[in-house]
């Protein structure tokens, strides 16, 4: 349950950030820059950091795909917010001991 709550927090923060972007082009530029930074980090970081860097890269790839499939950053933000609500409902199915 704690893990789902953390994912919901991240999704809500991503939704808020996407909603604040003026255009999909700005979002694509920002995500491209982040992916380039992660690529550089993966060459410089110790091997133990590889899973974290890979996860970040996969997240930004998925966000890029989401943004390219919707008409606006606000629409993408709405999709992420809806996903966060669904995950909040799912968290109730996994009570903590």
C-alpha atoms as a PDB file:
ATOM      1  CA  UNK A   1       0.000   0.000   0.000  1.00  0.00           C
ATOM      2  CA  UNK A   2       2.825   2.389   0.824  1.00  0.00           C
ATOM      3  CA  UNK A   3       4.378   1.799  -2.574  1.00  0.00           C
ATOM      4  CA  UNK A   4       1.113   2.554  -4.354  1.00  0.00           C
ATOM      5  CA  UNK A   5       0.745   5.768  -2.361  1.00  0.00           C
ATOM      6  CA  UNK A   6       4.195   6.865  -3.477  1.00  0.00           C
ATOM      7  CA  UNK A   7       3.347   6.104  -7.104  1.00  0.00           C
ATOM      8  CA  UNK A   8       0.152   8.143  -6.773  1.00  0.00           C
ATOM      9  CA  UNK A   9       2.152  11.061  -5.389  1.00  0.00           C
ATOM     10  CA  UNK A  10       4.562  10.892  -8.327  1.00  0.00           C
ATOM     11  CA  UNK A  11       1.708  10.664 -10.855  1.00  0.00           C
ATOM     12  CA  UNK A  12       0.000  13.696  -9.336  1.00  0.00           C
ATOM     13  CA  UNK A  13       3.237  15.695  -9.434  1.00  0.00           C
ATOM     14  CA  UNK A  14       3.836  14.708 -13.055  1.00  0.00           C
ATOM     15  CA  UNK A  15       0.252  15.665 -13.924  1.00  0.00           C
ATOM     16  CA  UNK A  16       0.705  19.086 -12.331  1.00  0.00           C
ATOM     17  CA  UNK A  17       3.979  19.634 -14.175  1.00  0.00           C
ATOM     18  CA  UNK A  18       2.467  18.633 -17.523  1.00  0.00           C
ATOM     19  CA  UNK A  19      -0.554  20.865 -16.980  1.00  0.00           C
ATOM     20  CA  UNK A  20       1.782  23.820 -16.472  1.00  0.00           C
ATOM     21  CA  UNK A  21       3.499  23.360 -19.842  1.00  0.00           C
ATOM     22  CA  UNK A  22       2.363  25.761 -22.544  1.00  0.00           C
ATOM     23  CA  UNK A  23       2.726  23.294 -25.428  1.00  0.00           C
ATOM     24  CA  UNK A  24       3.521  19.715 -26.331  1.00  0.00           C
ATOM     25  CA  UNK A  25       6.667  20.969 -28.072  1.00  0.00           C
ATOM     26  CA  UNK A  26       7.964  22.378 -24.778  1.00  0.00           C
ATOM     27  CA  UNK A  27       7.233  19.051 -23.093  1.00  0.00           C
ATOM     28  CA  UNK A  28       8.987  17.074 -25.832  1.00  0.00           C
ATOM     29  CA  UNK A  29      12.026  19.344 -25.610  1.00  0.00           C
ATOM     30  CA  UNK A  30      12.189  18.969 -21.824  1.00  0.00           C
ATOM     31  CA  UNK A  31      11.823  15.191 -21.960  1.00  0.00           C
ATOM     32  CA  UNK A  32      14.447  14.924 -24.683  1.00  0.00           C
ATOM     33  CA  UNK A  33      16.858  16.930 -22.543  1.00  0.00           C
ATOM     34  CA  UNK A  34      16.189  14.696 -19.553  1.00  0.00           C
ATOM     35  CA  UNK A  35      16.768  11.571 -21.625  1.00  0.00           C
ATOM     36  CA  UNK A  36      20.061  12.963 -22.919  1.00  0.00           C
ATOM     37  CA  UNK A  37      21.147  13.753 -19.360  1.00  0.00           C
ATOM     38  CA  UNK A  38      20.256  10.219 -18.275  1.00  0.00           C
ATOM     39  CA  UNK A  39      22.228   8.771 -21.190  1.00  0.00           C
ATOM     40  CA  UNK A  40      25.263  10.755 -20.088  1.00  0.00           C
ATOM     41  CA  UNK A  41      24.735   9.754 -16.471  1.00  0.00           C
ATOM     42  CA  UNK A  42      24.577   6.094 -17.434  1.00  0.00           C
ATOM     43  CA  UNK A  43      28.052   6.316 -18.954  1.00  0.00           C
ATOM     44  CA  UNK A  44      29.511   8.068 -15.905  1.00  0.00           C
ATOM     45  CA  UNK A  45      27.663   6.421 -13.018  1.00  0.00           C
ATOM     46  CA  UNK A  46      28.777   3.269 -11.233  1.00  0.00           C
ATOM     47  CA  UNK A  47      27.135   0.025 -12.301  1.00  0.00           C
ATOM     48  CA  UNK A  48      24.904  -0.090  -9.231  1.00  0.00           C
ATOM     49  CA  UNK A  49      23.101   3.031 -10.462  1.00  0.00           C
ATOM     50  CA  UNK A  50      22.134   1.438 -13.780  1.00  0.00           C
ATOM     51  CA  UNK A  51      18.686   0.176 -12.679  1.00  0.00           C
ATOM     52  CA  UNK A  52      17.689   3.608 -11.381  1.00  0.00           C
ATOM     53  CA  UNK A  53      18.895   5.362 -14.517  1.00  0.00           C
ATOM     54  CA  UNK A  54      17.171   2.785 -16.690  1.00  0.00           C
ATOM     55  CA  UNK A  55      13.902   3.240 -14.789  1.00  0.00           C
ATOM     56  CA  UNK A  56      14.091   7.008 -15.194  1.00  0.00           C
ATOM     57  CA  UNK A  57      14.763   6.669 -18.883  1.00  0.00           C
ATOM     58  CA  UNK A  58      11.811   4.285 -19.284  1.00  0.00           C
ATOM     59  CA  UNK A  59       9.551   6.730 -17.432  1.00  0.00           C
ATOM     60  CA  UNK A  60      10.534   9.616 -19.707  1.00  0.00           C
ATOM     61  CA  UNK A  61      10.049   7.412 -22.771  1.00  0.00           C
ATOM     62  CA  UNK A  62       6.523   6.556 -21.603  1.00  0.00           C
ATOM     63  CA  UNK A  63       5.763  10.220 -20.915  1.00  0.00           C
ATOM     64  CA  UNK A  64       6.967  11.105 -24.413  1.00  0.00           C
ATOM     65  CA  UNK A  65       4.674   8.437 -25.849  1.00  0.00           C
ATOM     66  CA  UNK A  66       1.750   9.743 -23.817  1.00  0.00           C
ATOM     67  CA  UNK A  67       2.354  13.314 -24.949  1.00  0.00           C
ATOM     68  CA  UNK A  68       2.599  12.306 -28.593  1.00  0.00           C
ATOM     69  CA  UNK A  69      -0.710  10.441 -28.386  1.00  0.00           C
ATOM     70  CA  UNK A  70      -2.851  13.252 -26.938  1.00  0.00           C
ATOM     71  CA  UNK A  71      -3.769  16.686 -28.283  1.00  0.00           C
ATOM     72  CA  UNK A  72      -2.246  18.750 -25.453  1.00  0.00           C
ATOM     73  CA  UNK A  73      -0.165  18.593 -22.277  1.00  0.00           C
ATOM     74  CA  UNK A  74      -3.355  19.298 -20.313  1.00  0.00           C
ATOM     75  CA  UNK A  75      -4.947  16.185 -21.787  1.00  0.00           C
ATOM     76  CA  UNK A  76      -1.895  14.151 -20.751  1.00  0.00           C
ATOM     77  CA  UNK A  77      -2.124  15.671 -17.269  1.00  0.00           C
ATOM     78  CA  UNK A  78      -5.784  14.636 -17.090  1.00  0.00           C
ATOM     79  CA  UNK A  79      -4.854  11.078 -18.105  1.00  0.00           C
ATOM     80  CA  UNK A  80      -2.195  10.860 -15.389  1.00  0.00           C
ATOM     81  CA  UNK A  81      -4.549  12.315 -12.783  1.00  0.00           C
ATOM     82  CA  UNK A  82      -7.177   9.719 -13.706  1.00  0.00           C
ATOM     83  CA  UNK A  83      -4.578   6.977 -13.382  1.00  0.00           C
ATOM     84  CA  UNK A  84      -3.615   8.322  -9.950  1.00  0.00           C
ATOM     85  CA  UNK A  85      -7.256   8.172  -8.858  1.00  0.00           C
ATOM     86  CA  UNK A  86      -7.528   4.576 -10.038  1.00  0.00           C
ATOM     87  CA  UNK A  87      -4.364   3.632  -8.151  1.00  0.00           C
ATOM     88  CA  UNK A  88      -5.707   5.318  -5.017  1.00  0.00           C
ATOM     89  CA  UNK A  89      -8.795   3.118  -5.271  1.00  0.00           C
ATOM     90  CA  UNK A  90      -6.587   0.051  -5.771  1.00  0.00           C
ATOM     91  CA  UNK A  91      -4.525   0.906  -2.682  1.00  0.00           C
ATOM     92  CA  UNK A  92      -7.603   0.280  -0.542  1.00  0.00           C
ATOM     93  CA  UNK A  93      -7.520  -3.345  -1.704  1.00  0.00           C
ATOM     94  CA  UNK A  94      -4.059  -3.812  -0.182  1.00  0.00           C
ATOM     95  CA  UNK A  95      -4.315  -2.751   3.464  1.00  0.00           C
ATOM     96  CA  UNK A  96      -1.111  -2.470   5.442  1.00  0.00           C
ATOM     97  CA  UNK A  97      -0.689  -4.665   8.501  1.00  0.00           C
END
